[in-house]
Amino acid sequence: DTFRQMEKAAMRLTQSIGYSGAGTVEYLYNAENDEFSFLELNPRLQVEHPVTEGLTGVNLPATQLQVAMGIPLSNMPQIRKFYGKDVNENSPIDFQ
């Protein structure tokens, strides 16, 4: 699945530079051959973030604030729901 490949590539990128926090990794996508290429990493929310929120059901500004407060992503109900986990638990989530 191309979306999952993009997600994993974004995680590898941010881990390789030690980045933690909300941000946007952008790609150029070629629908003819189902290939994508890295475009840019923005360490801030983009004006288009409501589109991501609509697709994921995750409030990105709230998530960004919670990350800044030191709250683990796996403890955030919207993140847990997005990854198909019970929102009332705090078990780890494998983001890999």
N, C-alpha and C. Protein backbone atom coordinates (compact mmCIF):
# COMPACT_ATOMS: atom_id res chain seq x y z
N ASP A 1 0.84 -1.18 0.00
CA ASP A 1 0.00 0.00 0.00
C ASP A 1 0.89 1.25 0.00
N THR A 2 0.70 2.11 -0.97
CA THR A 2 1.55 3.29 -1.14
C THR A 2 1.49 4.22 0.06
N PHE A 3 0.30 4.44 0.62
CA PHE A 3 0.19 5.32 1.78
C PHE A 3 1.05 4.81 2.93
N ARG A 4 1.03 3.52 3.18
CA ARG A 4 1.83 2.94 4.27
C ARG A 4 3.32 3.11 3.97
N GLN A 5 3.73 2.95 2.72
CA GLN A 5 5.13 3.17 2.34
C GLN A 5 5.55 4.61 2.61
N MET A 6 4.66 5.56 2.28
CA MET A 6 4.94 6.98 2.54
C MET A 6 5.07 7.23 4.05
N GLU A 7 4.17 6.62 4.80
CA GLU A 7 4.20 6.78 6.25
C GLU A 7 5.52 6.25 6.83
N LYS A 8 5.94 5.07 6.40
CA LYS A 8 7.20 4.49 6.89
C LYS A 8 8.40 5.34 6.48
N ALA A 9 8.38 5.85 5.25
CA ALA A 9 9.47 6.71 4.79
C ALA A 9 9.55 7.98 5.63
N ALA A 10 8.40 8.56 5.97
CA ALA A 10 8.37 9.75 6.82
C ALA A 10 8.93 9.44 8.21
N MET A 11 8.60 8.28 8.75
CA MET A 11 9.13 7.89 10.06
C MET A 11 10.64 7.70 10.01
N ARG A 12 11.12 7.06 8.95
CA ARG A 12 12.58 6.87 8.81
C ARG A 12 13.29 8.23 8.73
N LEU A 13 12.71 9.14 7.97
CA LEU A 13 13.30 10.47 7.81
C LEU A 13 13.38 11.19 9.14
N THR A 14 12.26 11.26 9.85
CA THR A 14 12.24 12.02 11.10
C THR A 14 13.12 11.37 12.16
N GLN A 15 13.16 10.04 12.19
CA GLN A 15 14.03 9.36 13.15
C GLN A 15 15.50 9.59 12.82
N SER A 16 15.84 9.63 11.54
CA SER A 16 17.24 9.79 11.14
C SER A 16 17.80 11.16 11.52
N ILE A 17 16.92 12.16 11.66
CA ILE A 17 17.39 13.49 12.04
C ILE A 17 17.04 13.84 13.49
N GLY A 18 16.45 12.88 14.21
CA GLY A 18 16.12 13.10 15.61
C GLY A 18 14.95 14.05 15.83
N TYR A 19 14.04 14.13 14.87
CA TYR A 19 12.91 15.04 14.98
C TYR A 19 11.76 14.39 15.74
N SER A 20 11.19 15.11 16.70
CA SER A 20 9.95 14.65 17.33
C SER A 20 9.04 15.85 17.46
N GLY A 21 7.81 15.67 17.09
CA GLY A 21 6.83 16.74 17.12
C GLY A 21 5.94 16.65 15.91
N ALA A 22 4.93 17.48 15.88
CA ALA A 22 4.04 17.49 14.73
C ALA A 22 4.70 18.23 13.58
N GLY A 23 4.46 17.78 12.42
CA GLY A 23 5.02 18.41 11.24
C GLY A 23 4.41 17.76 10.00
N THR A 24 4.91 18.15 8.86
CA THR A 24 4.38 17.65 7.60
C THR A 24 5.52 17.17 6.73
N VAL A 25 5.45 15.93 6.27
CA VAL A 25 6.37 15.41 5.26
C VAL A 25 5.56 15.38 3.97
N GLU A 26 6.08 16.05 2.95
CA GLU A 26 5.36 16.12 1.68
C GLU A 26 6.10 15.34 0.61
N TYR A 27 5.31 14.74 -0.26
CA TYR A 27 5.84 13.96 -1.37
C TYR A 27 5.22 14.43 -2.67
N LEU A 28 5.90 14.15 -3.76
CA LEU A 28 5.32 14.24 -5.10
C LEU A 28 4.90 12.83 -5.46
N TYR A 29 3.69 12.67 -5.95
CA TYR A 29 3.17 11.34 -6.27
C TYR A 29 2.85 11.25 -7.74
N ASN A 30 3.32 10.17 -8.38
CA ASN A 30 3.05 9.91 -9.79
C ASN A 30 2.04 8.76 -9.85
N ALA A 31 0.80 9.07 -10.18
CA ALA A 31 -0.25 8.06 -10.21
C ALA A 31 -0.07 7.06 -11.34
N GLU A 32 0.66 7.46 -12.39
CA GLU A 32 0.85 6.55 -13.52
C GLU A 32 1.67 5.32 -13.15
N ASN A 33 2.67 5.52 -12.29
CA ASN A 33 3.51 4.38 -11.92
C ASN A 33 3.50 4.10 -10.41
N ASP A 34 2.62 4.78 -9.68
CA ASP A 34 2.45 4.58 -8.24
C ASP A 34 3.76 4.80 -7.47
N GLU A 35 4.55 5.79 -7.90
CA GLU A 35 5.81 6.10 -7.22
C GLU A 35 5.71 7.48 -6.58
N PHE A 36 6.49 7.65 -5.51
CA PHE A 36 6.51 8.95 -4.84
C PHE A 36 7.94 9.34 -4.55
N SER A 37 8.15 10.66 -4.44
CA SER A 37 9.46 11.21 -4.15
C SER A 37 9.32 12.26 -3.06
N PHE A 38 10.30 12.33 -2.18
CA PHE A 38 10.30 13.31 -1.11
C PHE A 38 10.33 14.73 -1.68
N LEU A 39 9.52 15.61 -1.12
CA LEU A 39 9.50 17.01 -1.51
C LEU A 39 10.06 17.89 -0.40
N GLU A 40 9.46 17.83 0.80
CA GLU A 40 9.95 18.66 1.89
C GLU A 40 9.41 18.19 3.24
N LEU A 41 10.11 18.60 4.28
CA LEU A 41 9.68 18.39 5.66
C LEU A 41 9.45 19.75 6.28
N ASN A 42 8.25 19.97 6.80
CA ASN A 42 7.92 21.22 7.47
C ASN A 42 7.70 20.94 8.95
N PRO A 43 8.53 21.52 9.83
CA PRO A 43 8.38 21.26 11.26
C PRO A 43 7.28 22.13 11.89
N ARG A 44 6.18 22.23 11.19
CA ARG A 44 5.04 23.00 11.66
C ARG A 44 3.81 22.48 10.92
N LEU A 45 2.66 22.88 11.38
CA LEU A 45 1.44 22.49 10.67
C LEU A 45 1.25 23.37 9.45
N GLN A 46 0.75 22.78 8.40
CA GLN A 46 0.50 23.50 7.16
C GLN A 46 -0.94 24.03 7.17
N VAL A 47 -1.21 24.96 6.29
CA VAL A 47 -2.56 25.50 6.16
C VAL A 47 -3.54 24.41 5.76
N GLU A 48 -3.04 23.35 5.13
CA GLU A 48 -3.90 22.25 4.68
C GLU A 48 -4.19 21.24 5.78
N HIS A 49 -3.73 21.48 7.01
CA HIS A 49 -3.89 20.47 8.05
C HIS A 49 -5.34 20.05 8.30
N PRO A 50 -6.35 20.88 8.02
CA PRO A 50 -7.73 20.38 8.19
C PRO A 50 -8.05 19.18 7.28
N VAL A 51 -7.38 19.09 6.13
CA VAL A 51 -7.61 17.93 5.26
C VAL A 51 -7.11 16.67 5.97
N THR A 52 -5.92 16.74 6.54
CA THR A 52 -5.38 15.60 7.28
C THR A 52 -6.28 15.26 8.46
N GLU A 53 -6.74 16.29 9.17
CA GLU A 53 -7.64 16.05 10.30
C GLU A 53 -8.92 15.36 9.85
N GLY A 54 -9.45 15.79 8.71
CA GLY A 54 -10.68 15.18 8.20
C GLY A 54 -10.49 13.72 7.82
N LEU A 55 -9.32 13.39 7.29
CA LEU A 55 -9.04 12.01 6.88
C LEU A 55 -8.71 11.11 8.06
N THR A 56 -8.05 11.66 9.08
CA THR A 56 -7.57 10.83 10.19
C THR A 56 -8.43 10.91 11.44
N GLY A 57 -9.20 11.99 11.59
CA GLY A 57 -9.96 12.18 12.82
C GLY A 57 -9.09 12.61 13.98
N VAL A 58 -7.90 13.13 13.69
CA VAL A 58 -6.95 13.56 14.72
C VAL A 58 -6.82 15.07 14.68
N ASN A 59 -7.05 15.73 15.82
CA ASN A 59 -6.89 17.17 15.95
C ASN A 59 -5.39 17.47 16.04
N LEU A 60 -4.80 17.94 14.95
CA LEU A 60 -3.35 18.12 14.91
C LEU A 60 -2.83 19.21 15.84
N PRO A 61 -3.45 20.39 15.94
CA PRO A 61 -2.93 21.36 16.91
C PRO A 61 -2.95 20.83 18.34
N ALA A 62 -4.02 20.13 18.71
CA ALA A 62 -4.10 19.57 20.06
C ALA A 62 -3.02 18.50 20.26
N THR A 63 -2.80 17.69 19.24
CA THR A 63 -1.77 16.65 19.32
C THR A 63 -0.39 17.29 19.46
N GLN A 64 -0.14 18.34 18.70
CA GLN A 64 1.14 19.04 18.77
C GLN A 64 1.37 19.59 20.18
N LEU A 65 0.35 20.17 20.77
CA LEU A 65 0.49 20.70 22.13
C LEU A 65 0.74 19.58 23.14
N GLN A 66 0.05 18.46 22.97
CA GLN A 66 0.25 17.34 23.89
C GLN A 66 1.66 16.76 23.77
N VAL A 67 2.18 16.68 22.56
CA VAL A 67 3.56 16.22 22.36
C VAL A 67 4.52 17.17 23.06
N ALA A 68 4.29 18.48 22.90
CA ALA A 68 5.15 19.48 23.55
C ALA A 68 5.08 19.37 25.08
N MET A 69 3.94 18.90 25.59
CA MET A 69 3.78 18.72 27.03
C MET A 69 4.41 17.41 27.52
N GLY A 70 4.91 16.61 26.59
CA GLY A 70 5.56 15.35 26.97
C GLY A 70 4.63 14.16 27.05
N ILE A 71 3.41 14.30 26.57
CA ILE A 71 2.46 13.19 26.60
C ILE A 71 2.77 12.25 25.44
N PRO A 72 2.99 10.97 25.72
CA PRO A 72 3.28 10.02 24.64
C PRO A 72 2.10 9.88 23.67
N LEU A 73 2.40 9.75 22.40
CA LEU A 73 1.36 9.58 21.39
C LEU A 73 0.44 8.41 21.73
N SER A 74 1.01 7.35 22.29
CA SER A 74 0.21 6.16 22.58
C SER A 74 -0.80 6.39 23.71
N ASN A 75 -0.71 7.52 24.41
CA ASN A 75 -1.67 7.85 25.47
C ASN A 75 -2.76 8.80 25.00
N MET A 76 -2.75 9.19 23.74
CA MET A 76 -3.73 10.15 23.22
C MET A 76 -4.88 9.39 22.56
N PRO A 77 -6.12 9.59 23.05
CA PRO A 77 -7.26 8.83 22.52
C PRO A 77 -7.43 8.91 21.00
N GLN A 78 -7.27 10.08 20.40
CA GLN A 78 -7.46 10.19 18.95
C GLN A 78 -6.40 9.39 18.19
N ILE A 79 -5.18 9.39 18.70
CA ILE A 79 -4.11 8.61 18.07
C ILE A 79 -4.41 7.12 18.23
N ARG A 80 -4.83 6.71 19.41
CA ARG A 80 -5.16 5.31 19.67
C ARG A 80 -6.28 4.84 18.73
N LYS A 81 -7.29 5.68 18.57
CA LYS A 81 -8.40 5.33 17.68
C LYS A 81 -7.92 5.19 16.24
N PHE A 82 -7.07 6.13 15.79
CA PHE A 82 -6.54 6.09 14.43
C PHE A 82 -5.79 4.79 14.17
N TYR A 83 -5.06 4.29 15.17
CA TYR A 83 -4.30 3.06 15.03
C TYR A 83 -5.10 1.82 15.44
N GLY A 84 -6.41 1.98 15.67
CA GLY A 84 -7.27 0.84 15.95
C GLY A 84 -7.10 0.25 17.34
N LYS A 85 -6.66 1.08 18.29
CA LYS A 85 -6.44 0.62 19.66
C LYS A 85 -7.57 1.10 20.56
N ASP A 86 -7.75 0.41 21.69
CA ASP A 86 -8.75 0.80 22.68
C ASP A 86 -8.35 2.15 23.28
N VAL A 87 -9.25 3.13 23.18
CA VAL A 87 -8.93 4.48 23.66
C VAL A 87 -8.87 4.56 25.18
N ASN A 88 -9.38 3.56 25.87
CA ASN A 88 -9.38 3.56 27.33
C ASN A 88 -8.17 2.85 27.93
N GLU A 89 -7.28 2.39 27.10
CA GLU A 89 -6.05 1.74 27.56
C GLU A 89 -4.86 2.64 27.29
N ASN A 90 -3.72 2.26 27.81
CA ASN A 90 -2.49 3.01 27.51
C ASN A 90 -1.37 2.06 27.12
N SER A 91 -1.74 0.94 26.49
CA SER A 91 -0.74 0.00 26.01
C SER A 91 0.07 0.63 24.88
N PRO A 92 1.30 0.18 24.70
CA PRO A 92 2.15 0.77 23.65
C PRO A 92 1.55 0.56 22.25
N ILE A 93 1.90 1.44 21.36
CA ILE A 93 1.54 1.32 19.95
C ILE A 93 2.83 1.19 19.17
N ASP A 94 2.90 0.20 18.29
CA ASP A 94 4.08 0.04 17.44
C ASP A 94 3.91 0.96 16.22
N PHE A 95 4.58 2.10 16.24
CA PHE A 95 4.47 3.07 15.15
C PHE A 95 5.37 2.71 13.98
N GLN A 96 6.07 1.61 14.08
CA GLN A 96 6.96 1.20 12.99
C GLN A 96 6.14 0.52 11.94
